[in-house]
Each structure stands twice: as C-alpha cells, then as structure tokens.
Amino acid sequence: MTNKELVRAFYKEFFNDHDIDAALKYVKEDYIQHNPGVTQGRKGIMDGFREKFKTEPTFHLEIKMLIEEGDMMCVYLKNVDPEGKTKARVVDIYRIEDGKLAEHWDVLMPC
C-alpha cells in the first residue's frame, strides 16, 4: 500500500465510517500527537474520536489534496455537514513509519 493509499483508507474507515478500530491497522501504537486537544498514542486518537463521533454523528471529512515528500504526507481537507456545507478547513501533516501513521500535526480553520 502506498502512503497515499494508506492515508485515503484511514480517512475513509476511521473518520468517515467512524470505525475506531481502523486505527489498529493504520496508526502506530506510540503515535506522536502534536495537537494539544488529543492525547498521545494510538489509544489517544481512538478515545478522542470515539467521543467526537458520539457528539457529532454526522462528522465527515473530504480530502481535497494529498502531497507526499519522503516519509511525510500533507492532507488538505474539509469538514463538511450532511448537506455538503464546509464547517472547517484542515491541513493534517503525518510522518509515516513502517507503513503506519507515526506522527501528526494539524492546522484548523473554522468556517
């Protein structure tokens, strides 16, 4: 699986299908999180989004662009509501190691 395929599959399964266990396939256990609102490790992202999906059951992300350089992947995306209206624009940056997401940074701009 290429890095782009990895990221696309992760976003589909984890964020859009709300399959928390998909993180077991795509995220390293010792995942480094640079977003202060999410705790460290794979467990941190799983716990954080388990709650988010409960409070926001229509949460959905549309990937608009993927940029890859070496082991780094940049994802430009939109958080959209069920009618397709943009709620936020996001840039996620990942470092990929051994075929899994190893480290994450993000920038969020609410609309």
PDB file of N, CA and C in Angstrom:
ATOM      1  N   MET A   1       0.847  -1.172   0.000  1.00  0.00           N
ATOM      2  CA  MET A   1       0.000   0.000   0.000  1.00  0.00           C
ATOM      3  C   MET A   1       0.898   1.243   0.000  1.00  0.00           C
ATOM      4  N   THR A   2       0.631   2.167  -0.903  1.00  0.00           N
ATOM      5  CA  THR A   2       1.398   3.417  -0.939  1.00  0.00           C
ATOM      6  C   THR A   2       0.979   4.303   0.243  1.00  0.00           C
ATOM      7  N   ASN A   3       1.785   5.330   0.522  1.00  0.00           N
ATOM      8  CA  ASN A   3       1.440   6.264   1.591  1.00  0.00           C
ATOM      9  C   ASN A   3       0.115   6.967   1.308  1.00  0.00           C
ATOM     10  N   LYS A   4      -0.123   7.331   0.060  1.00  0.00           N
ATOM     11  CA  LYS A   4      -1.393   7.979  -0.291  1.00  0.00           C
ATOM     12  C   LYS A   4      -2.564   7.023  -0.094  1.00  0.00           C
ATOM     13  N   GLU A   5      -2.396   5.769  -0.479  1.00  0.00           N
ATOM     14  CA  GLU A   5      -3.449   4.777  -0.266  1.00  0.00           C
ATOM     15  C   GLU A   5      -3.715   4.574   1.226  1.00  0.00           C
ATOM     16  N   LEU A   6      -2.640   4.554   2.021  1.00  0.00           N
ATOM     17  CA  LEU A   6      -2.752   4.425   3.470  1.00  0.00           C
ATOM     18  C   LEU A   6      -3.603   5.554   4.049  1.00  0.00           C
ATOM     19  N   VAL A   7      -3.275   6.782   3.685  1.00  0.00           N
ATOM     20  CA  VAL A   7      -3.995   7.937   4.217  1.00  0.00           C
ATOM     21  C   VAL A   7      -5.452   7.931   3.750  1.00  0.00           C
ATOM     22  N   ARG A   8      -5.690   7.658   2.474  1.00  0.00           N
ATOM     23  CA  ARG A   8      -7.076   7.621   1.979  1.00  0.00           C
ATOM     24  C   ARG A   8      -7.900   6.545   2.706  1.00  0.00           C
ATOM     25  N   ALA A   9      -7.321   5.384   2.888  1.00  0.00           N
ATOM     26  CA  ALA A   9      -8.027   4.297   3.579  1.00  0.00           C
ATOM     27  C   ALA A   9      -8.305   4.669   5.038  1.00  0.00           C
ATOM     28  N   PHE A  10      -7.322   5.274   5.697  1.00  0.00           N
ATOM     29  CA  PHE A  10      -7.503   5.690   7.083  1.00  0.00           C
ATOM     30  C   PHE A  10      -8.634   6.704   7.210  1.00  0.00           C
ATOM     31  N   TYR A  11      -8.648   7.710   6.350  1.00  0.00           N
ATOM     32  CA  TYR A  11      -9.707   8.724   6.420  1.00  0.00           C
ATOM     33  C   TYR A  11     -11.077   8.115   6.149  1.00  0.00           C
ATOM     34  N   LYS A  12     -11.161   7.243   5.164  1.00  0.00           N
ATOM     35  CA  LYS A  12     -12.453   6.626   4.862  1.00  0.00           C
ATOM     36  C   LYS A  12     -12.947   5.799   6.042  1.00  0.00           C
ATOM     37  N   GLU A  13     -12.110   4.875   6.488  1.00  0.00           N
ATOM     38  CA  GLU A  13     -12.553   3.936   7.522  1.00  0.00           C
ATOM     39  C   GLU A  13     -12.688   4.591   8.893  1.00  0.00           C
ATOM     40  N   PHE A  14     -11.661   5.309   9.312  1.00  0.00           N
ATOM     41  CA  PHE A  14     -11.660   5.874  10.664  1.00  0.00           C
ATOM     42  C   PHE A  14     -12.577   7.089  10.768  1.00  0.00           C
ATOM     43  N   PHE A  15     -12.317   8.123   9.968  1.00  0.00           N
ATOM     44  CA  PHE A  15     -13.047   9.381  10.108  1.00  0.00           C
ATOM     45  C   PHE A  15     -14.447   9.360   9.491  1.00  0.00           C
ATOM     46  N   ASN A  16     -14.609   8.744   8.326  1.00  0.00           N
ATOM     47  CA  ASN A  16     -15.903   8.832   7.649  1.00  0.00           C
ATOM     48  C   ASN A  16     -16.826   7.655   7.936  1.00  0.00           C
ATOM     49  N   ASP A  17     -16.271   6.458   8.125  1.00  0.00           N
ATOM     50  CA  ASP A  17     -17.099   5.316   8.517  1.00  0.00           C
ATOM     51  C   ASP A  17     -17.224   5.228  10.037  1.00  0.00           C
ATOM     52  N   HIS A  18     -16.462   6.060  10.751  1.00  0.00           N
ATOM     53  CA  HIS A  18     -16.459   6.099  12.223  1.00  0.00           C
ATOM     54  C   HIS A  18     -16.064   4.740  12.819  1.00  0.00           C
ATOM     55  N   ASP A  19     -15.145   4.064  12.154  1.00  0.00           N
ATOM     56  CA  ASP A  19     -14.643   2.765  12.611  1.00  0.00           C
ATOM     57  C   ASP A  19     -13.383   3.002  13.448  1.00  0.00           C
ATOM     58  N   ILE A  20     -13.575   3.162  14.729  1.00  0.00           N
ATOM     59  CA  ILE A  20     -12.470   3.463  15.645  1.00  0.00           C
ATOM     60  C   ILE A  20     -11.370   2.405  15.557  1.00  0.00           C
ATOM     61  N   ASP A  21     -11.744   1.139  15.415  1.00  0.00           N
ATOM     62  CA  ASP A  21     -10.756   0.060  15.365  1.00  0.00           C
ATOM     63  C   ASP A  21      -9.876   0.106  14.119  1.00  0.00           C
ATOM     64  N   ALA A  22     -10.242   0.903  13.114  1.00  0.00           N
ATOM     65  CA  ALA A  22      -9.389   1.057  11.932  1.00  0.00           C
ATOM     66  C   ALA A  22      -8.030   1.620  12.327  1.00  0.00           C
ATOM     67  N   ALA A  23      -7.980   2.358  13.423  1.00  0.00           N
ATOM     68  CA  ALA A  23      -6.695   2.895  13.893  1.00  0.00           C
ATOM     69  C   ALA A  23      -5.700   1.771  14.186  1.00  0.00           C
ATOM     70  N   LEU A  24      -6.172   0.613  14.563  1.00  0.00           N
ATOM     71  CA  LEU A  24      -5.282  -0.517  14.836  1.00  0.00           C
ATOM     72  C   LEU A  24      -4.497  -0.912  13.590  1.00  0.00           C
ATOM     73  N   LYS A  25      -5.095  -0.725  12.411  1.00  0.00           N
ATOM     74  CA  LYS A  25      -4.439  -1.068  11.142  1.00  0.00           C
ATOM     75  C   LYS A  25      -3.509   0.033  10.651  1.00  0.00           C
ATOM     76  N   TYR A  26      -3.853   1.295  10.917  1.00  0.00           N
ATOM     77  CA  TYR A  26      -3.188   2.408  10.245  1.00  0.00           C
ATOM     78  C   TYR A  26      -2.325   3.301  11.139  1.00  0.00           C
ATOM     79  N   VAL A  27      -2.435   3.182  12.443  1.00  0.00           N
ATOM     80  CA  VAL A  27      -1.746   4.089  13.366  1.00  0.00           C
ATOM     81  C   VAL A  27      -0.822   3.288  14.283  1.00  0.00           C
ATOM     82  N   LYS A  28       0.425   3.761  14.414  1.00  0.00           N
ATOM     83  CA  LYS A  28       1.364   3.092  15.318  1.00  0.00           C
ATOM     84  C   LYS A  28       0.918   3.267  16.764  1.00  0.00           C
ATOM     85  N   GLU A  29       1.199   2.276  17.571  1.00  0.00           N
ATOM     86  CA  GLU A  29       0.794   2.311  18.979  1.00  0.00           C
ATOM     87  C   GLU A  29       1.390   3.528  19.706  1.00  0.00           C
ATOM     88  N   ASP A  30       2.640   3.874  19.377  1.00  0.00           N
ATOM     89  CA  ASP A  30       3.309   5.003  20.046  1.00  0.00           C
ATOM     90  C   ASP A  30       3.193   6.305  19.243  1.00  0.00           C
ATOM     91  N   TYR A  31       2.097   6.455  18.515  1.00  0.00           N
ATOM     92  CA  TYR A  31       1.758   7.630  17.704  1.00  0.00           C
ATOM     93  C   TYR A  31       2.040   8.918  18.480  1.00  0.00           C
ATOM     94  N   ILE A  32       2.779   9.818  17.852  1.00  0.00           N
ATOM     95  CA  ILE A  32       3.119  11.104  18.469  1.00  0.00           C
ATOM     96  C   ILE A  32       2.119  12.143  17.967  1.00  0.00           C
ATOM     97  N   GLN A  33       1.434  12.777  18.892  1.00  0.00           N
ATOM     98  CA  GLN A  33       0.369  13.727  18.585  1.00  0.00           C
ATOM     99  C   GLN A  33       0.819  15.143  18.972  1.00  0.00           C
ATOM    100  N   HIS A  34       0.811  16.055  18.000  1.00  0.00           N
ATOM    101  CA  HIS A  34       1.200  17.434  18.274  1.00  0.00           C
ATOM    102  C   HIS A  34      -0.009  18.357  18.445  1.00  0.00           C
ATOM    103  N   ASN A  35      -1.212  17.814  18.394  1.00  0.00           N
ATOM    104  CA  ASN A  35      -2.419  18.587  18.664  1.00  0.00           C
ATOM    105  C   ASN A  35      -2.674  18.493  20.170  1.00  0.00           C
ATOM    106  N   PRO A  36      -2.663  19.622  20.892  1.00  0.00           N
ATOM    107  CA  PRO A  36      -2.824  19.563  22.351  1.00  0.00           C
ATOM    108  C   PRO A  36      -4.206  19.093  22.800  1.00  0.00           C
ATOM    109  N   GLY A  37      -5.170  19.035  21.889  1.00  0.00           N
ATOM    110  CA  GLY A  37      -6.511  18.587  22.242  1.00  0.00           C
ATOM    111  C   GLY A  37      -6.701  17.082  22.180  1.00  0.00           C
ATOM    112  N   VAL A  38      -5.672  16.359  21.737  1.00  0.00           N
ATOM    113  CA  VAL A  38      -5.751  14.902  21.617  1.00  0.00           C
ATOM    114  C   VAL A  38      -4.562  14.317  22.370  1.00  0.00           C
ATOM    115  N   THR A  39      -4.819  13.312  23.202  1.00  0.00           N
ATOM    116  CA  THR A  39      -3.727  12.730  23.980  1.00  0.00           C
ATOM    117  C   THR A  39      -2.824  11.864  23.104  1.00  0.00           C
ATOM    118  N   GLN A  40      -1.668  11.530  23.623  1.00  0.00           N
ATOM    119  CA  GLN A  40      -0.643  10.788  22.891  1.00  0.00           C
ATOM    120  C   GLN A  40      -1.041   9.334  22.647  1.00  0.00           C
ATOM    121  N   GLY A  41      -0.412   8.755  21.635  1.00  0.00           N
ATOM    122  CA  GLY A  41      -0.559   7.337  21.337  1.00  0.00           C
ATOM    123  C   GLY A  41      -1.800   7.026  20.523  1.00  0.00           C
ATOM    124  N   ARG A  42      -1.795   5.812  19.985  1.00  0.00           N
ATOM    125  CA  ARG A  42      -2.942   5.334  19.205  1.00  0.00           C
ATOM    126  C   ARG A  42      -4.203   5.346  20.059  1.00  0.00           C
ATOM    127  N   LYS A  43      -4.076   4.974  21.315  1.00  0.00           N
ATOM    128  CA  LYS A  43      -5.223   4.970  22.224  1.00  0.00           C
ATOM    129  C   LYS A  43      -5.812   6.374  22.356  1.00  0.00           C
ATOM    130  N   GLY A  44      -4.961   7.400  22.350  1.00  0.00           N
ATOM    131  CA  GLY A  44      -5.430   8.775  22.476  1.00  0.00           C
ATOM    132  C   GLY A  44      -6.333   9.192  21.333  1.00  0.00           C
ATOM    133  N   ILE A  45      -5.918   8.893  20.104  1.00  0.00           N
ATOM    134  CA  ILE A  45      -6.752   9.260  18.957  1.00  0.00           C
ATOM    135  C   ILE A  45      -8.037   8.429  18.941  1.00  0.00           C
ATOM    136  N   MET A  46      -7.947   7.175  19.337  1.00  0.00           N
ATOM    137  CA  MET A  46      -9.141   6.326  19.366  1.00  0.00           C
ATOM    138  C   MET A  46     -10.138   6.843  20.411  1.00  0.00           C
ATOM    139  N   ASP A  47      -9.665   7.130  21.606  1.00  0.00           N
ATOM    140  CA  ASP A  47     -10.545   7.617  22.669  1.00  0.00           C
ATOM    141  C   ASP A  47     -11.148   8.971  22.307  1.00  0.00           C
ATOM    142  N   GLY A  48     -10.325   9.880  21.782  1.00  0.00           N
ATOM    143  CA  GLY A  48     -10.791  11.214  21.442  1.00  0.00           C
ATOM    144  C   GLY A  48     -11.870  11.204  20.375  1.00  0.00           C
ATOM    145  N   PHE A  49     -11.665  10.418  19.344  1.00  0.00           N
ATOM    146  CA  PHE A  49     -12.653  10.397  18.265  1.00  0.00           C
ATOM    147  C   PHE A  49     -13.848   9.511  18.580  1.00  0.00           C
ATOM    148  N   ARG A  50     -13.696   8.558  19.452  1.00  0.00           N
ATOM    149  CA  ARG A  50     -14.861   7.775  19.900  1.00  0.00           C
ATOM    150  C   ARG A  50     -15.886   8.747  20.503  1.00  0.00           C
ATOM    151  N   GLU A  51     -15.406   9.666  21.326  1.00  0.00           N
ATOM    152  CA  GLU A  51     -16.287  10.673  21.933  1.00  0.00           C
ATOM    153  C   GLU A  51     -16.809  11.657  20.893  1.00  0.00           C
ATOM    154  N   LYS A  52     -15.936  12.106  19.976  1.00  0.00           N
ATOM    155  CA  LYS A  52     -16.352  13.062  18.945  1.00  0.00           C
ATOM    156  C   LYS A  52     -17.460  12.486  18.074  1.00  0.00           C
ATOM    157  N   PHE A  53     -17.345  11.223  17.698  1.00  0.00           N
ATOM    158  CA  PHE A  53     -18.354  10.609  16.848  1.00  0.00           C
ATOM    159  C   PHE A  53     -19.690  10.447  17.583  1.00  0.00           C
ATOM    160  N   LYS A  54     -19.643  10.331  18.907  1.00  0.00           N
ATOM    161  CA  LYS A  54     -20.887  10.271  19.685  1.00  0.00           C
ATOM    162  C   LYS A  54     -21.564  11.636  19.698  1.00  0.00           C
ATOM    163  N   THR A  55     -20.779  12.688  19.894  1.00  0.00           N
ATOM    164  CA  THR A  55     -21.352  14.033  19.978  1.00  0.00           C
ATOM    165  C   THR A  55     -21.627  14.644  18.607  1.00  0.00           C
ATOM    166  N   GLU A  56     -20.955  14.147  17.585  1.00  0.00           N
ATOM    167  CA  GLU A  56     -21.142  14.656  16.219  1.00  0.00           C
ATOM    168  C   GLU A  56     -21.268  13.469  15.254  1.00  0.00           C
ATOM    169  N   PRO A  57     -22.427  12.803  15.256  1.00  0.00           N
ATOM    170  CA  PRO A  57     -22.594  11.568  14.468  1.00  0.00           C
ATOM    171  C   PRO A  57     -22.529  11.753  12.956  1.00  0.00           C
ATOM    172  N   THR A  58     -22.613  12.978  12.461  1.00  0.00           N
ATOM    173  CA  THR A  58     -22.524  13.209  11.016  1.00  0.00           C
ATOM    174  C   THR A  58     -21.134  13.707  10.609  1.00  0.00           C
ATOM    175  N   PHE A  59     -20.151  13.611  11.512  1.00  0.00           N
ATOM    176  CA  PHE A  59     -18.791  14.075  11.214  1.00  0.00           C
ATOM    177  C   PHE A  59     -18.284  13.427   9.928  1.00  0.00           C
ATOM    178  N   HIS A  60     -17.774  14.260   9.016  1.00  0.00           N
ATOM    179  CA  HIS A  60     -17.302  13.757   7.723  1.00  0.00           C
ATOM    180  C   HIS A  60     -16.195  14.665   7.192  1.00  0.00           C
ATOM    181  N   LEU A  61     -15.168  14.068   6.627  1.00  0.00           N
ATOM    182  CA  LEU A  61     -14.052  14.801   6.041  1.00  0.00           C
ATOM    183  C   LEU A  61     -13.929  14.468   4.560  1.00  0.00           C
ATOM    184  N   GLU A  62     -13.723  15.498   3.753  1.00  0.00           N
ATOM    185  CA  GLU A  62     -13.477  15.317   2.316  1.00  0.00           C
ATOM    186  C   GLU A  62     -12.031  15.685   2.023  1.00  0.00           C
ATOM    187  N   ILE A  63     -11.261  14.730   1.537  1.00  0.00           N
ATOM    188  CA  ILE A  63      -9.882  15.002   1.137  1.00  0.00           C
ATOM    189  C   ILE A  63      -9.912  15.784  -0.174  1.00  0.00           C
ATOM    190  N   LYS A  64      -9.217  16.904  -0.203  1.00  0.00           N
ATOM    191  CA  LYS A  64      -9.132  17.737  -1.401  1.00  0.00           C
ATOM    192  C   LYS A  64      -7.766  17.618  -2.069  1.00  0.00           C
ATOM    193  N   MET A  65      -6.723  17.346  -1.271  1.00  0.00           N
ATOM    194  CA  MET A  65      -5.378  17.275  -1.835  1.00  0.00           C
ATOM    195  C   MET A  65      -4.462  16.465  -0.908  1.00  0.00           C
ATOM    196  N   LEU A  66      -3.614  15.653  -1.512  1.00  0.00           N
ATOM    197  CA  LEU A  66      -2.572  14.921  -0.794  1.00  0.00           C
ATOM    198  C   LEU A  66      -1.224  15.303  -1.396  1.00  0.00           C
ATOM    199  N   ILE A  67      -0.281  15.653  -0.548  1.00  0.00           N
ATOM    200  CA  ILE A  67       1.063  15.995  -1.004  1.00  0.00           C
ATOM    201  C   ILE A  67       2.034  15.117  -0.213  1.00  0.00           C
ATOM    202  N   GLU A  68       2.905  14.433  -0.950  1.00  0.00           N
ATOM    203  CA  GLU A  68       3.833  13.499  -0.313  1.00  0.00           C
ATOM    204  C   GLU A  68       5.272  13.890  -0.624  1.00  0.00           C
ATOM    205  N   GLU A  69       6.102  13.830   0.406  1.00  0.00           N
ATOM    206  CA  GLU A  69       7.534  14.013   0.214  1.00  0.00           C
ATOM    207  C   GLU A  69       8.252  13.117   1.212  1.00  0.00           C
ATOM    208  N   GLY A  70       8.944  12.125   0.684  1.00  0.00           N
ATOM    209  CA  GLY A  70       9.637  11.175   1.545  1.00  0.00           C
ATOM    210  C   GLY A  70       8.649  10.450   2.447  1.00  0.00           C
ATOM    211  N   ASP A  71       8.912  10.500   3.766  1.00  0.00           N
ATOM    212  CA  ASP A  71       8.024   9.835   4.716  1.00  0.00           C
ATOM    213  C   ASP A  71       6.958  10.773   5.281  1.00  0.00           C
ATOM    214  N   MET A  72       6.800  11.946   4.655  1.00  0.00           N
ATOM    215  CA  MET A  72       5.825  12.940   5.121  1.00  0.00           C
ATOM    216  C   MET A  72       4.651  13.036   4.154  1.00  0.00           C
ATOM    217  N   MET A  73       3.459  13.204   4.712  1.00  0.00           N
ATOM    218  CA  MET A  73       2.243  13.338   3.918  1.00  0.00           C
ATOM    219  C   MET A  73       1.458  14.526   4.447  1.00  0.00           C
ATOM    220  N   CYS A  74       1.059  15.404   3.550  1.00  0.00           N
ATOM    221  CA  CYS A  74       0.240  16.560   3.879  1.00  0.00           C
ATOM    222  C   CYS A  74      -1.139  16.338   3.259  1.00  0.00           C
ATOM    223  N   VAL A  75      -2.191  16.535   4.061  1.00  0.00           N
ATOM    224  CA  VAL A  75      -3.554  16.314   3.613  1.00  0.00           C
ATOM    225  C   VAL A  75      -4.329  17.613   3.802  1.00  0.00           C
ATOM    226  N   TYR A  76      -4.851  18.168   2.702  1.00  0.00           N
ATOM    227  CA  TYR A  76      -5.743  19.316   2.797  1.00  0.00           C
ATOM    228  C   TYR A  76      -7.158  18.778   2.664  1.00  0.00           C
ATOM    229  N   LEU A  77      -8.018  19.137   3.604  1.00  0.00           N
ATOM    230  CA  LEU A  77      -9.367  18.585   3.598  1.00  0.00           C
ATOM    231  C   LEU A  77     -10.373  19.562   4.153  1.00  0.00           C
ATOM    232  N   LYS A  78     -11.632  19.201   3.972  1.00  0.00           N
ATOM    233  CA  LYS A  78     -12.735  19.987   4.507  1.00  0.00           C
ATOM    234  C   LYS A  78     -13.595  19.095   5.399  1.00  0.00           C
ATOM    235  N   ASN A  79     -14.014  19.654   6.516  1.00  0.00           N
ATOM    236  CA  ASN A  79     -15.028  19.028   7.366  1.00  0.00           C
ATOM    237  C   ASN A  79     -16.361  19.576   6.865  1.00  0.00           C
ATOM    238  N   VAL A  80     -17.226  18.687   6.393  1.00  0.00           N
ATOM    239  CA  VAL A  80     -18.490  19.126   5.800  1.00  0.00           C
ATOM    240  C   VAL A  80     -19.682  18.536   6.558  1.00  0.00           C
ATOM    241  N   ASP A  81     -20.799  19.289   6.511  1.00  0.00           N
ATOM    242  CA  ASP A  81     -22.026  18.796   7.130  1.00  0.00           C
ATOM    243  C   ASP A  81     -22.759  17.891   6.136  1.00  0.00           C
ATOM    244  N   PRO A  82     -23.868  17.271   6.561  1.00  0.00           N
ATOM    245  CA  PRO A  82     -24.578  16.340   5.661  1.00  0.00           C
ATOM    246  C   PRO A  82     -25.050  16.962   4.347  1.00  0.00           C
ATOM    247  N   GLU A  83     -25.219  18.282   4.305  1.00  0.00           N
ATOM    248  CA  GLU A  83     -25.635  18.953   3.076  1.00  0.00           C
ATOM    249  C   GLU A  83     -24.442  19.355   2.209  1.00  0.00           C
ATOM    250  N   GLY A  84     -23.228  19.073   2.681  1.00  0.00           N
ATOM    251  CA  GLY A  84     -22.029  19.402   1.923  1.00  0.00           C
ATOM    252  C   GLY A  84     -21.453  20.774   2.223  1.00  0.00           C
ATOM    253  N   LYS A  85     -22.036  21.502   3.167  1.00  0.00           N
ATOM    254  CA  LYS A  85     -21.535  22.828   3.546  1.00  0.00           C
ATOM    255  C   LYS A  85     -20.257  22.681   4.369  1.00  0.00           C
ATOM    256  N   THR A  86     -19.256  23.468   4.021  1.00  0.00           N
ATOM    257  CA  THR A  86     -17.968  23.404   4.714  1.00  0.00           C
ATOM    258  C   THR A  86     -18.085  23.993   6.112  1.00  0.00           C
ATOM    259  N   LYS A  87     -17.695  23.195   7.114  1.00  0.00           N
ATOM    260  CA  LYS A  87     -17.689  23.637   8.507  1.00  0.00           C
ATOM    261  C   LYS A  87     -16.293  24.107   8.928  1.00  0.00           C
ATOM    262  N   ALA A  88     -15.266  23.490   8.346  1.00  0.00           N
ATOM    263  CA  ALA A  88     -13.883  23.838   8.671  1.00  0.00           C
ATOM    264  C   ALA A  88     -12.980  23.351   7.550  1.00  0.00           C
ATOM    265  N   ARG A  89     -11.849  24.024   7.433  1.00  0.00           N
ATOM    266  CA  ARG A  89     -10.783  23.584   6.526  1.00  0.00           C
ATOM    267  C   ARG A  89      -9.627  23.140   7.407  1.00  0.00           C
ATOM    268  N   VAL A  90      -8.979  22.058   6.998  1.00  0.00           N
ATOM    269  CA  VAL A  90      -7.958  21.442   7.836  1.00  0.00           C
ATOM    270  C   VAL A  90      -6.758  21.051   6.984  1.00  0.00           C
ATOM    271  N   VAL A  91      -5.572  21.201   7.557  1.00  0.00           N
ATOM    272  CA  VAL A  91      -4.357  20.632   6.982  1.00  0.00           C
ATOM    273  C   VAL A  91      -3.791  19.694   8.040  1.00  0.00           C
ATOM    274  N   ASP A  92      -3.705  18.422   7.694  1.00  0.00           N
ATOM    275  CA  ASP A  92      -3.072  17.420   8.551  1.00  0.00           C
ATOM    276  C   ASP A  92      -1.729  17.065   7.927  1.00  0.00           C
ATOM    277  N   ILE A  93      -0.722  16.933   8.765  1.00  0.00           N
ATOM    278  CA  ILE A  93       0.604  16.509   8.313  1.00  0.00           C
ATOM    279  C   ILE A  93       0.974  15.264   9.112  1.00  0.00           C
ATOM    280  N   TYR A  94       1.400  14.243   8.402  1.00  0.00           N
ATOM    281  CA  TYR A  94       1.769  12.976   9.040  1.00  0.00           C
ATOM    282  C   TYR A  94       3.188  12.585   8.662  1.00  0.00           C
ATOM    283  N   ARG A  95       3.854  11.939   9.605  1.00  0.00           N
ATOM    284  CA  ARG A  95       5.087  11.215   9.313  1.00  0.00           C
ATOM    285  C   ARG A  95       4.695   9.741   9.320  1.00  0.00           C
ATOM    286  N   ILE A  96       5.111   9.037   8.286  1.00  0.00           N
ATOM    287  CA  ILE A  96       4.749   7.631   8.139  1.00  0.00           C
ATOM    288  C   ILE A  96       5.994   6.776   8.378  1.00  0.00           C
ATOM    289  N   GLU A  97       5.810   5.743   9.161  1.00  0.00           N
ATOM    290  CA  GLU A  97       6.914   4.847   9.509  1.00  0.00           C
ATOM    291  C   GLU A  97       6.404   3.410   9.471  1.00  0.00           C
ATOM    292  N   ASP A  98       7.127   2.541   8.793  1.00  0.00           N
ATOM    293  CA  ASP A  98       6.765   1.116   8.716  1.00  0.00           C
ATOM    294  C   ASP A  98       5.322   0.912   8.255  1.00  0.00           C
ATOM    295  N   GLY A  99       4.864   1.754   7.298  1.00  0.00           N
ATOM    296  CA  GLY A  99       3.535   1.592   6.730  1.00  0.00           C
ATOM    297  C   GLY A  99       2.386   2.034   7.617  1.00  0.00           C
ATOM    298  N   LYS A 100       2.694   2.806   8.671  1.00  0.00           N
ATOM    299  CA  LYS A 100       1.642   3.299   9.575  1.00  0.00           C
ATOM    300  C   LYS A 100       1.883   4.770   9.898  1.00  0.00           C
ATOM    301  N   LEU A 101       0.821   5.442  10.315  1.00  0.00           N
ATOM    302  CA  LEU A 101       0.930   6.829  10.743  1.00  0.00           C
ATOM    303  C   LEU A 101       1.678   6.868  12.080  1.00  0.00           C
ATOM    304  N   ALA A 102       2.780   7.620  12.119  1.00  0.00           N
ATOM    305  CA  ALA A 102       3.633   7.630  13.298  1.00  0.00           C
ATOM    306  C   ALA A 102       3.592   8.952  14.058  1.00  0.00           C
ATOM    307  N   GLU A 103       3.303  10.048  13.350  1.00  0.00           N
ATOM    308  CA  GLU A 103       3.347  11.366  13.982  1.00  0.00           C
ATOM    309  C   GLU A 103       2.385  12.290  13.240  1.00  0.00           C
ATOM    310  N   HIS A 104       1.778  13.243  13.980  1.00  0.00           N
ATOM    311  CA  HIS A 104       0.736  14.097  13.399  1.00  0.00           C
ATOM    312  C   HIS A 104       0.822  15.541  13.891  1.00  0.00           C
ATOM    313  N   TRP A 105       0.650  16.474  12.946  1.00  0.00           N
ATOM    314  CA  TRP A 105       0.495  17.902  13.212  1.00  0.00           C
ATOM    315  C   TRP A 105      -0.753  18.342  12.469  1.00  0.00           C
ATOM    316  N   ASP A 106      -1.410  19.415  12.928  1.00  0.00           N
ATOM    317  CA  ASP A 106      -2.560  19.909  12.162  1.00  0.00           C
ATOM    318  C   ASP A 106      -2.759  21.403  12.342  1.00  0.00           C
ATOM    319  N   VAL A 107      -3.481  21.963  11.377  1.00  0.00           N
ATOM    320  CA  VAL A 107      -3.902  23.359  11.384  1.00  0.00           C
ATOM    321  C   VAL A 107      -5.382  23.354  11.019  1.00  0.00           C
ATOM    322  N   LEU A 108      -6.195  24.049  11.802  1.00  0.00           N
ATOM    323  CA  LEU A 108      -7.641  24.043  11.620  1.00  0.00           C
ATOM    324  C   LEU A 108      -8.144  25.475  11.453  1.00  0.00           C
ATOM    325  N   MET A 109      -9.015  25.691  10.462  1.00  0.00           N
ATOM    326  CA  MET A 109      -9.620  26.997  10.250  1.00  0.00           C
ATOM    327  C   MET A 109     -11.133  26.806  10.164  1.00  0.00           C
ATOM    328  N   PRO A 110     -11.843  27.149  11.257  1.00  0.00           N
ATOM    329  CA  PRO A 110     -13.316  27.054  11.201  1.00  0.00           C
ATOM    330  C   PRO A 110     -13.863  28.006  10.156  1.00  0.00           C
ATOM    331  N   CYS A 111     -14.982  27.628   9.541  1.00  0.00           N
ATOM    332  CA  CYS A 111     -15.625  28.492   8.540  1.00  0.00           C
ATOM    333  C   CYS A 111     -16.856  29.140   9.127  1.00  0.00           C
TER     334      CYS A 111
END
